[in-house]
Amino acid sequence: MGTCLTKNDDLNSEPRSIDNLMALSSSSLVTPYKNGPEVAMSRSQSIIEHSFILNGSNLYHQKIQNEITNFGIKIKKERFEKQNAWLQYIWQANFLAPVEDQLMYGSARVLDLGCITGEWVLEVAKSYPWANVYGIDTAPVFPSVSPLNATFLQYNILEGLPIAINTFNLVHARCLTFTYSQKDWKRKVMKEIIRITKSGGWISLMEIEIKYQNEGPVTTRLTDATREVLRQKGFSSTISTLQEYLLRECDLLEDIQTHERFPSVGSWAGRAGIIAAHEFVQTMRILQSDLSFFLGINSDEFSSMLQICLKEFTEFKTTGRVVKVLARKK
C-alpha cells in the first residue's frame, strides 16, 4: 500500500524536507481562520468536561498539564509543531491509510485521539476542507483558532466516548506510550477505537519506540531503565507490539499492516536528527523523577546522562524506530 498524499502533492515530486515542513508548520500560526474555538464547540452535539487526575496511568497528559502551568502554552505548542513536522518528514504524509478519495471528495469523518495541541488535526483539516476532522483529548490545550471543518472536544476515552458506533472513516492516534496502561488498552481503549470506527473505515496507530539502534552505553542504561519503570507501572514498553496483537485478536478487523521507519537521531543527521534527539530528551524528562529514583541518581546526574546521550547519538550514529499499525474494520 502506498503513502497517501495530500491534494497539493505530486507523485513525482521530491520528498518533503524537514525545513519545508517546519516552515509550513510555522505559517499555520498566522493563517486567518474565520472561526474561534467557540464556533467549533457549538457544532458538537454534546460536550463533557472531565476533571483529570493522575491515578497510576495517563502519565503523559499530567506532565503536559504541568508544562502548561509552569512554562506556558507557547513552549509546549512549539514542541509539538516540531514533532508534527518531524513525523511528517519520516512518513512523507499525514497518514498511510487509503482514505484519500473519501477525505478529498466526500464528507468523511476523521478522529485524532490524544490530539494535545491539535497539530495533526489542523494539517488534515486544511488539506481536506470537505472532511470533518475531530480532535479529542483529556487536557484542554487545543488551538485558539481552527478551520471550520475542525472540532476539538475534551473527553476521556477511559470513561467511554459519547460517540455513536460506526462513526469515523479514520481513527488516528499516536504517541500514547505513556498515556494508557496495558490494562487500559485491553479493557477499554482498543475496544472504543474499534467501536467508533465505521465499517470499511481504518484505524491508524503510531508509536515512537523506546529502544534505539546503535545505542551508546549510557543511552542503553537509560532506555533499559525506562522500559523497566514502564513495566513496573503497568505500561507496555513495546506498545506497538501490544497494539498489533489486540488488533489481530479482533474478528471485526482485517488487512492489518505494520509499517516501520528508522530515523537518524542526533546532530550528525542534521535538523531532523536534532528534533529526534529533542524528542528523546523530552521523553526522558517526563519520567525523570521515576528514572532518577530507579537509577539512584540526583537531578544533576540525570541531566549529565542526557548530555552524554546526545554525544553518543553522534558517536554511534544512533537510529530510532517508529512504528505504525493499520487495520480496516469489516
C-alpha atoms as a PDB file:
ATOM      1  CA  MET A   1       0.000   0.000   0.000  1.00  0.00           C
ATOM      2  CA  GLY A   2       1.452   3.365  -0.990  1.00  0.00           C
ATOM      3  CA  THR A   3       1.728   6.515   1.037  1.00  0.00           C
ATOM      4  CA  CYS A   4      -1.285   8.794   0.804  1.00  0.00           C
ATOM      5  CA  LEU A   5      -0.512  12.292  -0.401  1.00  0.00           C
ATOM      6  CA  THR A   6      -2.430  15.478   0.117  1.00  0.00           C
ATOM      7  CA  LYS A   7      -4.188  17.139  -2.796  1.00  0.00           C
ATOM      8  CA  ASN A   8      -1.274  19.548  -3.307  1.00  0.00           C
ATOM      9  CA  ASP A   9       1.324  16.786  -3.667  1.00  0.00           C
ATOM     10  CA  ASP A  10       2.603  15.233  -6.854  1.00  0.00           C
ATOM     11  CA  LEU A  11       3.571  11.583  -7.088  1.00  0.00           C
ATOM     12  CA  ASN A  12       6.713  12.608  -8.970  1.00  0.00           C
ATOM     13  CA  SER A  13       7.653  15.476  -6.657  1.00  0.00           C
ATOM     14  CA  GLU A  14      10.722  15.487  -4.436  1.00  0.00           C
ATOM     15  CA  PRO A  15      10.314  14.159  -0.872  1.00  0.00           C
ATOM     16  CA  ARG A  16       9.286  16.894   1.526  1.00  0.00           C
ATOM     17  CA  SER A  17      12.253  18.201   3.517  1.00  0.00           C
ATOM     18  CA  ILE A  18      12.203  18.843   7.247  1.00  0.00           C
ATOM     19  CA  ASP A  19      12.934  22.535   6.592  1.00  0.00           C
ATOM     20  CA  ASN A  20       9.942  22.919   4.296  1.00  0.00           C
ATOM     21  CA  LEU A  21       7.679  21.097   6.723  1.00  0.00           C
ATOM     22  CA  MET A  22       8.867  23.272   9.603  1.00  0.00           C
ATOM     23  CA  ALA A  23       8.134  26.385   7.533  1.00  0.00           C
ATOM     24  CA  LEU A  24       4.635  25.138   6.747  1.00  0.00           C
ATOM     25  CA  SER A  25       4.068  24.330  10.406  1.00  0.00           C
ATOM     26  CA  SER A  26       5.147  27.809  11.498  1.00  0.00           C
ATOM     27  CA  SER A  27       2.981  29.504   8.856  1.00  0.00           C
ATOM     28  CA  SER A  28      -0.114  27.887  10.326  1.00  0.00           C
ATOM     29  CA  LEU A  29       0.213  30.206  13.310  1.00  0.00           C
ATOM     30  CA  VAL A  30      -0.768  33.219  11.220  1.00  0.00           C
ATOM     31  CA  THR A  31      -3.409  31.675   8.977  1.00  0.00           C
ATOM     32  CA  PRO A  32      -6.525  33.897   9.230  1.00  0.00           C
ATOM     33  CA  TYR A  33      -9.133  31.312  10.142  1.00  0.00           C
ATOM     34  CA  LYS A  34     -12.585  32.770  10.457  1.00  0.00           C
ATOM     35  CA  ASN A  35     -13.769  30.878  13.482  1.00  0.00           C
ATOM     36  CA  GLY A  36     -12.563  30.520  17.051  1.00  0.00           C
ATOM     37  CA  PRO A  37     -12.906  27.611  19.442  1.00  0.00           C
ATOM     38  CA  GLU A  38     -16.381  28.688  20.494  1.00  0.00           C
ATOM     39  CA  VAL A  39     -17.626  28.144  16.933  1.00  0.00           C
ATOM     40  CA  ALA A  40     -16.104  24.684  16.750  1.00  0.00           C
ATOM     41  CA  MET A  41     -17.551  23.801  20.138  1.00  0.00           C
ATOM     42  CA  SER A  42     -21.033  24.939  19.155  1.00  0.00           C
ATOM     43  CA  ARG A  43     -21.076  22.478  16.272  1.00  0.00           C
ATOM     44  CA  SER A  44     -20.744  19.438  18.524  1.00  0.00           C
ATOM     45  CA  GLN A  45     -23.910  17.911  19.894  1.00  0.00           C
ATOM     46  CA  SER A  46     -22.538  17.274  23.339  1.00  0.00           C
ATOM     47  CA  ILE A  47     -19.511  18.482  25.285  1.00  0.00           C
ATOM     48  CA  ILE A  48     -18.441  16.892  28.524  1.00  0.00           C
ATOM     49  CA  GLU A  49     -15.600  18.311  30.583  1.00  0.00           C
ATOM     50  CA  HIS A  50     -13.815  15.758  32.738  1.00  0.00           C
ATOM     51  CA  SER A  51     -11.592  16.625  35.643  1.00  0.00           C
ATOM     52  CA  PHE A  52      -8.333  14.767  35.085  1.00  0.00           C
ATOM     53  CA  ILE A  53      -6.268  13.366  37.945  1.00  0.00           C
ATOM     54  CA  LEU A  54      -3.139  11.226  37.777  1.00  0.00           C
ATOM     55  CA  ASN A  55      -4.017   7.783  39.105  1.00  0.00           C
ATOM     56  CA  GLY A  56      -1.244   5.463  38.031  1.00  0.00           C
ATOM     57  CA  SER A  57      -1.810   5.912  34.316  1.00  0.00           C
ATOM     58  CA  ASN A  58      -2.024   8.822  31.895  1.00  0.00           C
ATOM     59  CA  LEU A  59       1.431   9.976  32.986  1.00  0.00           C
ATOM     60  CA  TYR A  60       1.971  11.893  29.791  1.00  0.00           C
ATOM     61  CA  HIS A  61      -1.092  14.122  29.936  1.00  0.00           C
ATOM     62  CA  GLN A  62      -0.455  15.008  33.560  1.00  0.00           C
ATOM     63  CA  LYS A  63       3.018  16.153  32.535  1.00  0.00           C
ATOM     64  CA  ILE A  64       1.516  18.177  29.699  1.00  0.00           C
ATOM     65  CA  GLN A  65      -0.789  19.988  32.122  1.00  0.00           C
ATOM     66  CA  ASN A  66       2.151  20.673  34.436  1.00  0.00           C
ATOM     67  CA  GLU A  67       4.067  22.035  31.470  1.00  0.00           C
ATOM     68  CA  ILE A  68       1.257  24.469  30.726  1.00  0.00           C
ATOM     69  CA  THR A  69       1.232  25.637  34.332  1.00  0.00           C
ATOM     70  CA  ASN A  70       4.973  26.001  34.673  1.00  0.00           C
ATOM     71  CA  PHE A  71       6.214  27.089  31.265  1.00  0.00           C
ATOM     72  CA  GLY A  72       3.254  28.342  29.277  1.00  0.00           C
ATOM     73  CA  ILE A  73       1.328  27.106  26.263  1.00  0.00           C
ATOM     74  CA  LYS A  74       3.703  28.703  23.707  1.00  0.00           C
ATOM     75  CA  ILE A  75       6.652  26.479  24.609  1.00  0.00           C
ATOM     76  CA  LYS A  76       4.542  23.356  24.514  1.00  0.00           C
ATOM     77  CA  LYS A  77       2.925  24.299  21.200  1.00  0.00           C
ATOM     78  CA  GLU A  78       6.318  24.917  19.607  1.00  0.00           C
ATOM     79  CA  ARG A  79       7.464  21.492  20.744  1.00  0.00           C
ATOM     80  CA  PHE A  80       4.515  19.722  19.144  1.00  0.00           C
ATOM     81  CA  GLU A  81       4.802  21.744  15.958  1.00  0.00           C
ATOM     82  CA  LYS A  82       8.345  20.419  15.619  1.00  0.00           C
ATOM     83  CA  GLN A  83       7.242  16.899  16.473  1.00  0.00           C
ATOM     84  CA  ASN A  84       4.453  17.032  13.896  1.00  0.00           C
ATOM     85  CA  ALA A  85       6.817  18.293  11.182  1.00  0.00           C
ATOM     86  CA  TRP A  86       9.353  15.613  12.083  1.00  0.00           C
ATOM     87  CA  LEU A  87       6.761  12.839  11.847  1.00  0.00           C
ATOM     88  CA  GLN A  88       5.533  14.182   8.512  1.00  0.00           C
ATOM     89  CA  TYR A  89       9.127  14.098   7.302  1.00  0.00           C
ATOM     90  CA  ILE A  90       9.574  10.499   8.464  1.00  0.00           C
ATOM     91  CA  TRP A  91       6.405   9.245   6.785  1.00  0.00           C
ATOM     92  CA  GLN A  92       6.205  11.862   4.000  1.00  0.00           C
ATOM     93  CA  ALA A  93       2.475  12.039   4.733  1.00  0.00           C
ATOM     94  CA  ASN A  94      -0.045  12.723   7.446  1.00  0.00           C
ATOM     95  CA  PHE A  95      -1.482   9.210   7.157  1.00  0.00           C
ATOM     96  CA  LEU A  96      -0.917   5.940   5.309  1.00  0.00           C
ATOM     97  CA  ALA A  97      -4.455   4.558   5.371  1.00  0.00           C
ATOM     98  CA  PRO A  98      -6.069   4.518   1.874  1.00  0.00           C
ATOM     99  CA  VAL A  99      -8.788   7.070   2.618  1.00  0.00           C
ATOM    100  CA  GLU A 100      -7.543   9.850   0.321  1.00  0.00           C
ATOM    101  CA  ASP A 101     -10.573   9.844  -2.002  1.00  0.00           C
ATOM    102  CA  GLN A 102     -13.041   9.812   0.868  1.00  0.00           C
ATOM    103  CA  LEU A 103     -11.381  12.794   2.501  1.00  0.00           C
ATOM    104  CA  MET A 104     -10.932  14.641  -0.777  1.00  0.00           C
ATOM    105  CA  TYR A 105     -14.405  14.332  -2.248  1.00  0.00           C
ATOM    106  CA  GLY A 106     -16.787  13.139   0.452  1.00  0.00           C
ATOM    107  CA  SER A 107     -17.971  14.270   3.866  1.00  0.00           C
ATOM    108  CA  ALA A 108     -15.713  11.822   5.686  1.00  0.00           C
ATOM    109  CA  ARG A 109     -15.202  11.954   9.437  1.00  0.00           C
ATOM    110  CA  VAL A 110     -11.700  11.700  10.907  1.00  0.00           C
ATOM    111  CA  LEU A 111     -10.735  11.455  14.589  1.00  0.00           C
ATOM    112  CA  ASP A 112      -7.382  12.147  16.221  1.00  0.00           C
ATOM    113  CA  LEU A 113      -7.328  10.521  19.654  1.00  0.00           C
ATOM    114  CA  GLY A 114      -5.000  12.268  22.088  1.00  0.00           C
ATOM    115  CA  CYS A 115      -4.618  15.302  19.829  1.00  0.00           C
ATOM    116  CA  ILE A 116      -2.989  17.550  22.503  1.00  0.00           C
ATOM    117  CA  THR A 117      -2.443  20.908  20.728  1.00  0.00           C
ATOM    118  CA  GLY A 118      -4.087  19.684  17.541  1.00  0.00           C
ATOM    119  CA  GLU A 119      -1.241  19.996  15.024  1.00  0.00           C
ATOM    120  CA  TRP A 120      -2.263  16.867  13.099  1.00  0.00           C
ATOM    121  CA  VAL A 121      -5.934  17.883  13.125  1.00  0.00           C
ATOM    122  CA  LEU A 122      -5.119  21.310  11.703  1.00  0.00           C
ATOM    123  CA  GLU A 123      -2.927  19.843   8.951  1.00  0.00           C
ATOM    124  CA  VAL A 124      -5.564  17.343   7.811  1.00  0.00           C
ATOM    125  CA  ALA A 125      -8.429  19.834   8.089  1.00  0.00           C
ATOM    126  CA  LYS A 126      -6.602  22.364   5.907  1.00  0.00           C
ATOM    127  CA  SER A 127      -5.620  19.736   3.339  1.00  0.00           C
ATOM    128  CA  TYR A 128      -9.108  18.236   3.093  1.00  0.00           C
ATOM    129  CA  PRO A 129     -11.731  21.005   3.508  1.00  0.00           C
ATOM    130  CA  TRP A 130     -14.614  18.620   2.713  1.00  0.00           C
ATOM    131  CA  ALA A 131     -13.708  16.274   5.562  1.00  0.00           C
ATOM    132  CA  ASN A 132     -14.859  16.751   9.154  1.00  0.00           C
ATOM    133  CA  VAL A 133     -11.829  16.389  11.416  1.00  0.00           C
ATOM    134  CA  TYR A 134     -12.145  15.976  15.181  1.00  0.00           C
ATOM    135  CA  GLY A 135      -9.542  16.083  17.907  1.00  0.00           C
ATOM    136  CA  ILE A 136     -10.147  14.579  21.342  1.00  0.00           C
ATOM    137  CA  ASP A 137      -8.002  14.936  24.429  1.00  0.00           C
ATOM    138  CA  THR A 138      -8.386  14.883  28.189  1.00  0.00           C
ATOM    139  CA  ALA A 139      -6.345  18.065  28.576  1.00  0.00           C
ATOM    140  CA  PRO A 140      -7.926  21.266  27.170  1.00  0.00           C
ATOM    141  CA  VAL A 141      -4.869  22.553  25.326  1.00  0.00           C
ATOM    142  CA  PHE A 142      -6.499  22.973  21.936  1.00  0.00           C
ATOM    143  CA  PRO A 143      -5.616  25.726  19.430  1.00  0.00           C
ATOM    144  CA  SER A 144      -7.368  29.078  19.838  1.00  0.00           C
ATOM    145  CA  VAL A 145      -8.314  29.191  16.150  1.00  0.00           C
ATOM    146  CA  SER A 146      -9.070  26.401  13.692  1.00  0.00           C
ATOM    147  CA  PRO A 147     -10.577  25.785  10.238  1.00  0.00           C
ATOM    148  CA  LEU A 148     -14.348  25.497  10.005  1.00  0.00           C
ATOM    149  CA  ASN A 149     -14.089  21.739   9.469  1.00  0.00           C
ATOM    150  CA  ALA A 150     -12.008  21.109  12.616  1.00  0.00           C
ATOM    151  CA  THR A 151     -13.580  20.449  16.008  1.00  0.00           C
ATOM    152  CA  PHE A 152     -11.845  19.898  19.340  1.00  0.00           C
ATOM    153  CA  LEU A 153     -13.524  18.133  22.255  1.00  0.00           C
ATOM    154  CA  GLN A 154     -12.474  17.285  25.794  1.00  0.00           C
ATOM    155  CA  TYR A 155     -13.233  13.640  26.528  1.00  0.00           C
ATOM    156  CA  ASN A 156     -11.644  10.788  28.445  1.00  0.00           C
ATOM    157  CA  ILE A 157     -11.832   7.558  26.446  1.00  0.00           C
ATOM    158  CA  LEU A 158     -11.441   5.538  29.657  1.00  0.00           C
ATOM    159  CA  GLU A 159     -14.855   6.804  30.706  1.00  0.00           C
ATOM    160  CA  GLY A 160     -16.343   5.921  27.336  1.00  0.00           C
ATOM    161  CA  LEU A 161     -16.869   8.281  24.426  1.00  0.00           C
ATOM    162  CA  PRO A 162     -20.371   9.707  23.831  1.00  0.00           C
ATOM    163  CA  ILE A 163     -19.995   8.883  20.149  1.00  0.00           C
ATOM    164  CA  ALA A 164     -22.173   6.551  18.097  1.00  0.00           C
ATOM    165  CA  ILE A 165     -20.936   3.232  16.785  1.00  0.00           C
ATOM    166  CA  ASN A 166     -19.511   3.239  13.212  1.00  0.00           C
ATOM    167  CA  THR A 167     -18.853   6.991  13.078  1.00  0.00           C
ATOM    168  CA  PHE A 168     -15.350   7.623  11.700  1.00  0.00           C
ATOM    169  CA  ASN A 169     -13.744   6.763   8.379  1.00  0.00           C
ATOM    170  CA  LEU A 170     -10.335   7.091  10.019  1.00  0.00           C
ATOM    171  CA  VAL A 171      -9.363   6.916  13.690  1.00  0.00           C
ATOM    172  CA  HIS A 172      -5.814   8.144  14.163  1.00  0.00           C
ATOM    173  CA  ALA A 173      -3.724   8.033  17.340  1.00  0.00           C
ATOM    174  CA  ARG A 174      -0.035   8.443  18.035  1.00  0.00           C
ATOM    175  CA  CYS A 175       2.492   8.783  20.834  1.00  0.00           C
ATOM    176  CA  LEU A 176       0.326   7.214  23.542  1.00  0.00           C
ATOM    177  CA  THR A 177       3.026   5.086  25.190  1.00  0.00           C
ATOM    178  CA  PHE A 178       2.776   6.965  28.490  1.00  0.00           C
ATOM    179  CA  THR A 179      -0.928   7.734  28.259  1.00  0.00           C
ATOM    180  CA  TYR A 180      -2.638   4.364  28.736  1.00  0.00           C
ATOM    181  CA  SER A 181      -1.538   1.273  30.638  1.00  0.00           C
ATOM    182  CA  GLN A 182      -1.665  -2.245  29.214  1.00  0.00           C
ATOM    183  CA  LYS A 183      -4.896  -2.831  31.135  1.00  0.00           C
ATOM    184  CA  ASP A 184      -6.345   0.381  29.697  1.00  0.00           C
ATOM    185  CA  TRP A 185      -5.595  -0.777  26.163  1.00  0.00           C
ATOM    186  CA  LYS A 186      -7.046  -4.250  26.725  1.00  0.00           C
ATOM    187  CA  ARG A 187     -10.139  -3.295  28.720  1.00  0.00           C
ATOM    188  CA  LYS A 188     -11.251  -0.047  27.162  1.00  0.00           C
ATOM    189  CA  VAL A 189      -9.114   1.945  24.714  1.00  0.00           C
ATOM    190  CA  MET A 190      -8.863  -0.513  21.819  1.00  0.00           C
ATOM    191  CA  LYS A 191     -12.499  -1.565  22.174  1.00  0.00           C
ATOM    192  CA  GLU A 192     -13.648   2.052  21.984  1.00  0.00           C
ATOM    193  CA  ILE A 193     -11.449   2.763  18.982  1.00  0.00           C
ATOM    194  CA  ILE A 194     -12.886  -0.231  17.122  1.00  0.00           C
ATOM    195  CA  ARG A 195     -16.453   0.607  18.161  1.00  0.00           C
ATOM    196  CA  ILE A 196     -16.435   4.148  16.776  1.00  0.00           C
ATOM    197  CA  THR A 197     -14.639   3.211  13.536  1.00  0.00           C
ATOM    198  CA  LYS A 198     -17.034   2.925  10.613  1.00  0.00           C
ATOM    199  CA  SER A 199     -17.419  -0.366   8.759  1.00  0.00           C
ATOM    200  CA  GLY A 200     -14.867  -0.127   5.965  1.00  0.00           C
ATOM    201  CA  GLY A 201     -13.009   2.558   7.904  1.00  0.00           C
ATOM    202  CA  TRP A 202      -9.405   2.478   9.055  1.00  0.00           C
ATOM    203  CA  ILE A 203      -7.551   2.533  12.363  1.00  0.00           C
ATOM    204  CA  SER A 204      -4.058   4.035  12.396  1.00  0.00           C
ATOM    205  CA  LEU A 205      -1.842   3.770  15.491  1.00  0.00           C
ATOM    206  CA  MET A 206       1.707   5.127  15.595  1.00  0.00           C
ATOM    207  CA  GLU A 207       4.332   4.980  18.331  1.00  0.00           C
ATOM    208  CA  ILE A 208       7.952   6.006  18.806  1.00  0.00           C
ATOM    209  CA  GLU A 209       9.697   3.013  20.323  1.00  0.00           C
ATOM    210  CA  ILE A 210      11.848   3.458  23.444  1.00  0.00           C
ATOM    211  CA  LYS A 211      14.646   1.161  22.226  1.00  0.00           C
ATOM    212  CA  TYR A 212      17.142   2.610  19.729  1.00  0.00           C
ATOM    213  CA  GLN A 213      19.600   1.011  17.314  1.00  0.00           C
ATOM    214  CA  ASN A 214      23.337   1.650  17.774  1.00  0.00           C
ATOM    215  CA  GLU A 215      22.968   2.937  21.314  1.00  0.00           C
ATOM    216  CA  GLY A 216      25.925   4.052  23.377  1.00  0.00           C
ATOM    217  CA  PRO A 217      26.406   2.584  26.883  1.00  0.00           C
ATOM    218  CA  VAL A 218      24.793   5.484  28.745  1.00  0.00           C
ATOM    219  CA  THR A 219      21.888   5.609  26.303  1.00  0.00           C
ATOM    220  CA  THR A 220      21.369   1.874  26.775  1.00  0.00           C
ATOM    221  CA  ARG A 221      21.390   2.272  30.549  1.00  0.00           C
ATOM    222  CA  LEU A 222      18.743   4.988  30.322  1.00  0.00           C
ATOM    223  CA  THR A 223      16.454   3.257  27.817  1.00  0.00           C
ATOM    224  CA  ASP A 224      16.683  -0.049  29.710  1.00  0.00           C
ATOM    225  CA  ALA A 225      15.716   1.781  32.903  1.00  0.00           C
ATOM    226  CA  THR A 226      12.829   3.490  31.087  1.00  0.00           C
ATOM    227  CA  ARG A 227      11.378   0.205  29.883  1.00  0.00           C
ATOM    228  CA  GLU A 228      11.658  -1.293  33.361  1.00  0.00           C
ATOM    229  CA  VAL A 229       9.985   1.720  35.004  1.00  0.00           C
ATOM    230  CA  LEU A 230       7.173   1.500  32.470  1.00  0.00           C
ATOM    231  CA  ARG A 231       6.789  -2.219  33.123  1.00  0.00           C
ATOM    232  CA  GLN A 232       6.600  -1.673  36.877  1.00  0.00           C
ATOM    233  CA  LYS A 233       3.856   0.901  36.373  1.00  0.00           C
ATOM    234  CA  GLY A 234       1.831  -1.383  34.141  1.00  0.00           C
ATOM    235  CA  PHE A 235       2.681   0.261  30.824  1.00  0.00           C
ATOM    236  CA  SER A 236       3.887  -1.562  27.720  1.00  0.00           C
ATOM    237  CA  SER A 237       7.463  -0.785  26.705  1.00  0.00           C
ATOM    238  CA  THR A 238       6.693  -2.288  23.285  1.00  0.00           C
ATOM    239  CA  ILE A 239       3.368  -0.569  22.780  1.00  0.00           C
ATOM    240  CA  SER A 240       3.183  -1.168  19.013  1.00  0.00           C
ATOM    241  CA  THR A 241       3.510  -4.913  19.549  1.00  0.00           C
ATOM    242  CA  LEU A 242       0.626  -4.828  22.019  1.00  0.00           C
ATOM    243  CA  GLN A 243      -1.484  -2.711  19.659  1.00  0.00           C
ATOM    244  CA  GLU A 244      -0.899  -5.069  16.741  1.00  0.00           C
ATOM    245  CA  TYR A 245      -1.738  -8.077  18.931  1.00  0.00           C
ATOM    246  CA  LEU A 246      -5.032  -6.548  20.064  1.00  0.00           C
ATOM    247  CA  LEU A 247      -5.985  -5.604  16.511  1.00  0.00           C
ATOM    248  CA  ARG A 248      -5.261  -9.126  15.236  1.00  0.00           C
ATOM    249  CA  GLU A 249      -7.284 -10.640  18.071  1.00  0.00           C
ATOM    250  CA  CYS A 250     -10.413  -8.776  16.951  1.00  0.00           C
ATOM    251  CA  ASP A 251     -12.623 -10.619  14.456  1.00  0.00           C
ATOM    252  CA  LEU A 252     -14.092  -7.309  13.269  1.00  0.00           C
ATOM    253  CA  LEU A 253     -10.820  -6.237  11.654  1.00  0.00           C
ATOM    254  CA  GLU A 254      -8.870  -7.232   8.555  1.00  0.00           C
ATOM    255  CA  ASP A 255      -5.959  -6.089   6.370  1.00  0.00           C
ATOM    256  CA  ILE A 256      -3.734  -5.461   9.389  1.00  0.00           C
ATOM    257  CA  GLN A 257      -0.400  -3.927   8.424  1.00  0.00           C
ATOM    258  CA  THR A 258       2.763  -2.815  10.184  1.00  0.00           C
ATOM    259  CA  HIS A 259       4.988  -0.072   8.764  1.00  0.00           C
ATOM    260  CA  GLU A 260       8.380   0.931  10.156  1.00  0.00           C
ATOM    261  CA  ARG A 261      10.736   3.870   9.833  1.00  0.00           C
ATOM    262  CA  PHE A 262      14.238   4.151  11.308  1.00  0.00           C
ATOM    263  CA  PRO A 263      15.017   7.868  11.669  1.00  0.00           C
ATOM    264  CA  SER A 264      18.514   9.040  12.465  1.00  0.00           C
ATOM    265  CA  VAL A 265      18.902  10.611  15.906  1.00  0.00           C
ATOM    266  CA  GLY A 266      21.337  13.361  16.839  1.00  0.00           C
ATOM    267  CA  SER A 267      23.101  16.378  15.398  1.00  0.00           C
ATOM    268  CA  TRP A 268      25.038  14.182  12.959  1.00  0.00           C
ATOM    269  CA  ALA A 269      21.774  13.797  10.990  1.00  0.00           C
ATOM    270  CA  GLY A 270      21.008  17.490  10.564  1.00  0.00           C
ATOM    271  CA  ARG A 271      17.826  19.249  11.610  1.00  0.00           C
ATOM    272  CA  ALA A 272      15.656  16.138  11.569  1.00  0.00           C
ATOM    273  CA  GLY A 273      18.168  14.356  13.775  1.00  0.00           C
ATOM    274  CA  ILE A 274      18.235  17.271  16.214  1.00  0.00           C
ATOM    275  CA  ILE A 275      14.442  17.167  16.516  1.00  0.00           C
ATOM    276  CA  ALA A 276      14.604  13.399  17.070  1.00  0.00           C
ATOM    277  CA  ALA A 277      17.179  13.921  19.831  1.00  0.00           C
ATOM    278  CA  HIS A 278      14.960  16.600  21.369  1.00  0.00           C
ATOM    279  CA  GLU A 279      12.070  14.123  21.409  1.00  0.00           C
ATOM    280  CA  PHE A 280      14.297  11.652  23.254  1.00  0.00           C
ATOM    281  CA  VAL A 281      15.205  14.258  25.874  1.00  0.00           C
ATOM    282  CA  GLN A 282      11.571  15.299  26.349  1.00  0.00           C
ATOM    283  CA  THR A 283      10.568  11.652  26.728  1.00  0.00           C
ATOM    284  CA  MET A 284      13.194  11.089  29.399  1.00  0.00           C
ATOM    285  CA  ARG A 285      12.190  14.293  31.210  1.00  0.00           C
ATOM    286  CA  ILE A 286       8.629  13.029  31.536  1.00  0.00           C
ATOM    287  CA  LEU A 287       9.866  10.171  33.722  1.00  0.00           C
ATOM    288  CA  GLN A 288      12.815  11.992  35.296  1.00  0.00           C
ATOM    289  CA  SER A 289      11.713  11.537  38.906  1.00  0.00           C
ATOM    290  CA  ASP A 290      10.997   7.831  38.454  1.00  0.00           C
ATOM    291  CA  LEU A 291      14.161   7.212  36.461  1.00  0.00           C
ATOM    292  CA  SER A 292      16.361   9.107  38.916  1.00  0.00           C
ATOM    293  CA  PHE A 293      14.959   7.051  41.782  1.00  0.00           C
ATOM    294  CA  PHE A 294      15.349   3.792  39.848  1.00  0.00           C
ATOM    295  CA  LEU A 295      18.953   4.589  38.877  1.00  0.00           C
ATOM    296  CA  GLY A 296      19.847   6.038  42.281  1.00  0.00           C
ATOM    297  CA  ILE A 297      20.994   9.392  40.910  1.00  0.00           C
ATOM    298  CA  ASN A 298      20.138  13.024  41.560  1.00  0.00           C
ATOM    299  CA  SER A 299      18.765  15.655  39.178  1.00  0.00           C
ATOM    300  CA  ASP A 300      22.177  16.954  38.133  1.00  0.00           C
ATOM    301  CA  GLU A 301      23.441  13.448  37.415  1.00  0.00           C
ATOM    302  CA  PHE A 302      20.327  12.763  35.363  1.00  0.00           C
ATOM    303  CA  SER A 303      20.917  15.890  33.276  1.00  0.00           C
ATOM    304  CA  SER A 304      24.525  14.825  32.772  1.00  0.00           C
ATOM    305  CA  MET A 305      23.342  11.464  31.478  1.00  0.00           C
ATOM    306  CA  LEU A 306      21.144  13.197  28.927  1.00  0.00           C
ATOM    307  CA  GLN A 307      24.063  15.311  27.739  1.00  0.00           C
ATOM    308  CA  ILE A 308      26.183  12.178  27.304  1.00  0.00           C
ATOM    309  CA  CYS A 309      23.357  10.541  25.354  1.00  0.00           C
ATOM    310  CA  LEU A 310      23.343  13.465  22.928  1.00  0.00           C
ATOM    311  CA  LYS A 311      27.060  12.952  22.325  1.00  0.00           C
ATOM    312  CA  GLU A 312      26.621   9.187  21.960  1.00  0.00           C
ATOM    313  CA  PHE A 313      23.999   9.675  19.256  1.00  0.00           C
ATOM    314  CA  THR A 314      26.661  11.223  17.035  1.00  0.00           C
ATOM    315  CA  GLU A 315      29.471   8.900  18.078  1.00  0.00           C
ATOM    316  CA  PHE A 316      27.488   5.705  17.480  1.00  0.00           C
ATOM    317  CA  LYS A 317      25.236   7.012  14.653  1.00  0.00           C
ATOM    318  CA  THR A 318      22.097   6.115  16.583  1.00  0.00           C
ATOM    319  CA  THR A 319      18.792   5.493  14.837  1.00  0.00           C
ATOM    320  CA  GLY A 320      15.304   5.205  16.272  1.00  0.00           C
ATOM    321  CA  ARG A 321      12.293   3.094  15.395  1.00  0.00           C
ATOM    322  CA  VAL A 322       8.862   4.497  14.647  1.00  0.00           C
ATOM    323  CA  VAL A 323       6.052   2.001  14.054  1.00  0.00           C
ATOM    324  CA  LYS A 324       2.629   2.498  12.513  1.00  0.00           C
ATOM    325  CA  VAL A 325      -0.033  -0.216  12.683  1.00  0.00           C
ATOM    326  CA  LEU A 326      -3.071  -0.092  10.389  1.00  0.00           C
ATOM    327  CA  ALA A 327      -6.281  -2.120  10.366  1.00  0.00           C
ATOM    328  CA  ARG A 328      -9.541  -1.957   8.398  1.00  0.00           C
ATOM    329  CA  LYS A 329     -12.911  -2.652  10.008  1.00  0.00           C
ATOM    330  CA  LYS A 330     -15.028  -5.199   8.143  1.00  0.00           C
END
